Structures are given as C-alpha cells and as structure tokens.
Amino acid sequence: MKLLLKQTGPRKVEVITDNWSFIVDLKEEFGGENSGPNPSELFAAAVASCEMLTGVVWASRRHDIELKGLEAEVQWEYEERPERISKIDVTIRNAADQLDENIRAFTAIAQGCAVTKTLKIQPDTTLKVE
C-alpha cells in the first residue's frame, strides 16, 4: 500500500492516491493555514473511523444488522515527554438500540480494528531522507 504526499504550502501537504486526495495542514498558531486536518486529528480520526467501520461490517456480516445513523466522537490528550498522543477516547452513538444484546461483542470487535491493533502491536517504521 502506498500514498504520495506533496508539500503544497509552507506547512501544508496534499495526500494523493489514484482515486482521491486531501490536504493535511497545521493550525495557524504553528504556521499553517488550518485548511485541513492536522496529523494528530487524522490519527484520532483513523482510530475512531476504523473502530466504527469495523463494527458496522461485523454487524452486517455476522448478524445481518445494517447499522444506520451512527456517529462517533473522538477526544485525545497530549503528553509532553515524550511528545505524543497519550490517550484516545472514542464514543460511538446511535448503536445501542440497533444492536440490542450484541453491544458487548460490537465493542470487542470494533476495538480489534487494524488501526487500534497497530497501536497495541507497534509496527516497524523507517524513515529515509533523500
């Protein structure tokens, strides 16, 4: 899997694939234009959307429940030493009435999504500067 990122401004990057693109930008107080999500917002959104969509697919495939109208809210906290996101809280709303007794299983399955698993089992990462 691969994404192409191109700097399009002093603190702005365009993320590009064959099918779509979007802007990642820093907040104005960090020299950006705030014209798109910043990397921390993308990270938190990746966790929340992965958990929500994993649960949606599980409900559909396993229980023939087509969940509708779900909303997720994600909040996170920063730690200064080392600088990082130290806590992520995801709340998925409008699911309980649709899931009935399957809510605990939905929660367990959702927390097993690829992004959340990656936080628990750290990948090997490399950086090459040319």
C-alpha atoms as a PDB file:
ATOM      1  CA  MET A   1       0.000   0.000   0.000  1.00  0.00           C
ATOM      2  CA  LYS A   2       1.266   3.450  -0.804  1.00  0.00           C
ATOM      3  CA  LEU A   3       0.314   7.126  -0.575  1.00  0.00           C
ATOM      4  CA  LEU A   4       2.091  10.059  -2.222  1.00  0.00           C
ATOM      5  CA  LEU A   5       2.476  13.252  -0.177  1.00  0.00           C
ATOM      6  CA  LYS A   6       3.422  16.561  -1.797  1.00  0.00           C
ATOM      7  CA  GLN A   7       4.193  19.791   0.021  1.00  0.00           C
ATOM      8  CA  THR A   8       1.786  22.420  -1.312  1.00  0.00           C
ATOM      9  CA  GLY A   9       2.490  25.227   1.149  1.00  0.00           C
ATOM     10  CA  PRO A  10       4.888  26.121   3.950  1.00  0.00           C
ATOM     11  CA  ARG A  11       3.075  23.837   6.429  1.00  0.00           C
ATOM     12  CA  LYS A  12       0.656  22.035   4.094  1.00  0.00           C
ATOM     13  CA  VAL A  13       0.783  18.623   2.428  1.00  0.00           C
ATOM     14  CA  GLU A  14      -1.522  17.020  -0.140  1.00  0.00           C
ATOM     15  CA  VAL A  15      -2.079  13.279   0.326  1.00  0.00           C
ATOM     16  CA  ILE A  16      -2.699  11.608  -3.047  1.00  0.00           C
ATOM     17  CA  THR A  17      -3.797   8.181  -4.283  1.00  0.00           C
ATOM     18  CA  ASP A  18      -5.080   7.051  -7.664  1.00  0.00           C
ATOM     19  CA  ASN A  19      -8.676   7.718  -6.571  1.00  0.00           C
ATOM     20  CA  TRP A  20      -8.685  10.691  -4.189  1.00  0.00           C
ATOM     21  CA  SER A  21      -6.667  13.357  -2.401  1.00  0.00           C
ATOM     22  CA  PHE A  22      -6.924  15.557   0.672  1.00  0.00           C
ATOM     23  CA  ILE A  23      -4.980  18.279   2.469  1.00  0.00           C
ATOM     24  CA  VAL A  24      -3.120  17.936   5.764  1.00  0.00           C
ATOM     25  CA  ASP A  25      -2.307  21.308   7.304  1.00  0.00           C
ATOM     26  CA  LEU A  26      -1.129  22.727  10.587  1.00  0.00           C
ATOM     27  CA  LYS A  27      -3.074  25.143  12.762  1.00  0.00           C
ATOM     28  CA  GLU A  28      -2.392  28.842  12.253  1.00  0.00           C
ATOM     29  CA  GLU A  29      -0.506  29.084  15.551  1.00  0.00           C
ATOM     30  CA  PHE A  30       2.026  26.619  14.094  1.00  0.00           C
ATOM     31  CA  GLY A  31       2.407  28.498  10.810  1.00  0.00           C
ATOM     32  CA  GLY A  32      -0.256  26.639   8.871  1.00  0.00           C
ATOM     33  CA  GLU A  33      -3.484  27.811   7.275  1.00  0.00           C
ATOM     34  CA  ASN A  34      -5.788  25.349   9.074  1.00  0.00           C
ATOM     35  CA  SER A  35      -7.160  24.319   5.669  1.00  0.00           C
ATOM     36  CA  GLY A  36      -7.342  20.629   6.533  1.00  0.00           C
ATOM     37  CA  PRO A  37      -6.869  18.266   9.438  1.00  0.00           C
ATOM     38  CA  ASN A  38      -3.507  18.210  11.178  1.00  0.00           C
ATOM     39  CA  PRO A  39      -1.642  14.910  11.650  1.00  0.00           C
ATOM     40  CA  SER A  40      -2.942  14.421  15.208  1.00  0.00           C
ATOM     41  CA  GLU A  41      -6.529  14.952  14.068  1.00  0.00           C
ATOM     42  CA  LEU A  42      -6.011  12.429  11.268  1.00  0.00           C
ATOM     43  CA  PHE A  43      -4.575   9.952  13.729  1.00  0.00           C
ATOM     44  CA  ALA A  44      -7.530  10.284  16.108  1.00  0.00           C
ATOM     45  CA  ALA A  45      -9.973  10.133  13.172  1.00  0.00           C
ATOM     46  CA  ALA A  46      -8.238   6.999  11.893  1.00  0.00           C
ATOM     47  CA  VAL A  47      -8.782   5.249  15.228  1.00  0.00           C
ATOM     48  CA  ALA A  48     -12.436   6.294  15.505  1.00  0.00           C
ATOM     49  CA  SER A  49     -13.369   5.586  11.883  1.00  0.00           C
ATOM     50  CA  CYS A  50     -11.605   2.222  11.918  1.00  0.00           C
ATOM     51  CA  GLU A  51     -13.409   1.135  15.070  1.00  0.00           C
ATOM     52  CA  MET A  52     -16.774   2.359  13.807  1.00  0.00           C
ATOM     53  CA  LEU A  53     -16.477   0.796  10.352  1.00  0.00           C
ATOM     54  CA  THR A  54     -15.106  -2.498  11.707  1.00  0.00           C
ATOM     55  CA  GLY A  55     -18.138  -2.723  13.972  1.00  0.00           C
ATOM     56  CA  VAL A  56     -20.501  -1.825  11.126  1.00  0.00           C
ATOM     57  CA  VAL A  57     -19.073  -4.535   8.868  1.00  0.00           C
ATOM     58  CA  TRP A  58     -19.188  -7.113  11.689  1.00  0.00           C
ATOM     59  CA  ALA A  59     -22.840  -6.306  12.498  1.00  0.00           C
ATOM     60  CA  SER A  60     -23.779  -6.654   8.845  1.00  0.00           C
ATOM     61  CA  ARG A  61     -21.864  -9.845   8.088  1.00  0.00           C
ATOM     62  CA  ARG A  62     -22.379 -11.659  11.374  1.00  0.00           C
ATOM     63  CA  HIS A  63     -25.866 -10.574  12.388  1.00  0.00           C
ATOM     64  CA  ASP A  64     -27.482  -9.110   9.258  1.00  0.00           C
ATOM     65  CA  ILE A  65     -27.833  -5.792  11.102  1.00  0.00           C
ATOM     66  CA  GLU A  66     -27.390  -2.791   8.819  1.00  0.00           C
ATOM     67  CA  LEU A  67     -26.496  -0.058  11.271  1.00  0.00           C
ATOM     68  CA  LYS A  68     -27.680   3.407  10.306  1.00  0.00           C
ATOM     69  CA  GLY A  69     -27.144   6.903  11.609  1.00  0.00           C
ATOM     70  CA  LEU A  70     -24.086   6.144  13.717  1.00  0.00           C
ATOM     71  CA  GLU A  71     -21.937   8.991  14.958  1.00  0.00           C
ATOM     72  CA  ALA A  72     -18.565   8.835  16.659  1.00  0.00           C
ATOM     73  CA  GLU A  73     -16.826  11.388  18.796  1.00  0.00           C
ATOM     74  CA  VAL A  74     -13.118  11.084  19.480  1.00  0.00           C
ATOM     75  CA  GLN A  75     -11.193  13.010  22.098  1.00  0.00           C
ATOM     76  CA  TRP A  76      -7.484  12.806  22.761  1.00  0.00           C
ATOM     77  CA  GLU A  77      -4.884  14.109  25.170  1.00  0.00           C
ATOM     78  CA  TYR A  78      -1.273  15.075  24.599  1.00  0.00           C
ATOM     79  CA  GLU A  79       1.697  14.116  26.706  1.00  0.00           C
ATOM     80  CA  GLU A  80       4.704  16.404  26.604  1.00  0.00           C
ATOM     81  CA  ARG A  81       7.513  13.992  27.494  1.00  0.00           C
ATOM     82  CA  PRO A  82       7.822  12.333  25.156  1.00  0.00           C
ATOM     83  CA  GLU A  83       5.568  14.461  22.941  1.00  0.00           C
ATOM     84  CA  ARG A  84       2.755  12.199  21.775  1.00  0.00           C
ATOM     85  CA  ILE A  85      -0.937  11.468  21.967  1.00  0.00           C
ATOM     86  CA  SER A  86      -1.263   9.748  25.339  1.00  0.00           C
ATOM     87  CA  LYS A  87      -4.974   8.935  25.446  1.00  0.00           C
ATOM     88  CA  ILE A  88      -7.731   8.405  22.884  1.00  0.00           C
ATOM     89  CA  ASP A  89     -11.402   8.057  23.854  1.00  0.00           C
ATOM     90  CA  VAL A  90     -13.926   7.025  21.198  1.00  0.00           C
ATOM     91  CA  THR A  91     -17.689   7.113  21.734  1.00  0.00           C
ATOM     92  CA  ILE A  92     -19.956   5.570  19.096  1.00  0.00           C
ATOM     93  CA  ARG A  93     -23.519   6.835  19.334  1.00  0.00           C
ATOM     94  CA  ASN A  94     -26.886   5.647  17.980  1.00  0.00           C
ATOM     95  CA  ALA A  95     -25.783   1.996  18.033  1.00  0.00           C
ATOM     96  CA  ALA A  96     -27.175   0.577  21.288  1.00  0.00           C
ATOM     97  CA  ASP A  97     -30.831   0.408  20.206  1.00  0.00           C
ATOM     98  CA  GLN A  98     -29.874  -1.212  16.906  1.00  0.00           C
ATOM     99  CA  LEU A  99     -27.523  -3.787  18.458  1.00  0.00           C
ATOM    100  CA  ASP A 100     -29.551  -4.912  21.499  1.00  0.00           C
ATOM    101  CA  GLU A 101     -27.661  -7.776  23.177  1.00  0.00           C
ATOM    102  CA  ASN A 102     -24.792  -7.556  20.648  1.00  0.00           C
ATOM    103  CA  ILE A 103     -23.342  -4.334  22.068  1.00  0.00           C
ATOM    104  CA  ARG A 104     -20.515  -6.002  24.057  1.00  0.00           C
ATOM    105  CA  ALA A 105     -19.464  -8.081  21.061  1.00  0.00           C
ATOM    106  CA  PHE A 106     -19.622  -4.993  18.821  1.00  0.00           C
ATOM    107  CA  THR A 107     -17.313  -3.167  21.237  1.00  0.00           C
ATOM    108  CA  ALA A 108     -14.796  -6.022  21.343  1.00  0.00           C
ATOM    109  CA  ILE A 109     -14.786  -6.433  17.567  1.00  0.00           C
ATOM    110  CA  ALA A 110     -14.508  -2.680  16.959  1.00  0.00           C
ATOM    111  CA  GLN A 111     -11.507  -2.427  19.275  1.00  0.00           C
ATOM    112  CA  GLY A 112      -9.855  -5.135  17.178  1.00  0.00           C
ATOM    113  CA  CYS A 113      -9.702  -2.954  14.079  1.00  0.00           C
ATOM    114  CA  ALA A 114      -6.383  -2.696  12.234  1.00  0.00           C
ATOM    115  CA  VAL A 115      -5.554   0.836  13.412  1.00  0.00           C
ATOM    116  CA  THR A 116      -6.207   0.067  17.080  1.00  0.00           C
ATOM    117  CA  LYS A 117      -4.259  -3.197  16.796  1.00  0.00           C
ATOM    118  CA  THR A 118      -1.372  -1.230  15.311  1.00  0.00           C
ATOM    119  CA  LEU A 119      -1.299   0.927  18.448  1.00  0.00           C
ATOM    120  CA  LYS A 120      -1.073  -2.181  20.600  1.00  0.00           C
ATOM    121  CA  ILE A 121       1.396  -4.090  18.411  1.00  0.00           C
ATOM    122  CA  GLN A 122       3.806  -1.473  17.139  1.00  0.00           C
ATOM    123  CA  PRO A 123       4.925  -1.797  13.520  1.00  0.00           C
ATOM    124  CA  ASP A 124       8.480  -1.478  12.328  1.00  0.00           C
ATOM    125  CA  THR A 125       8.928   2.018  10.949  1.00  0.00           C
ATOM    126  CA  THR A 126      11.684   3.512   8.845  1.00  0.00           C
ATOM    127  CA  LEU A 127      12.440   6.988   7.532  1.00  0.00           C
ATOM    128  CA  LYS A 128      14.667   7.598   4.530  1.00  0.00           C
ATOM    129  CA  VAL A 129      15.596  11.187   3.636  1.00  0.00           C
ATOM    130  CA  GLU A 130      16.893  11.779   0.083  1.00  0.00           C
END
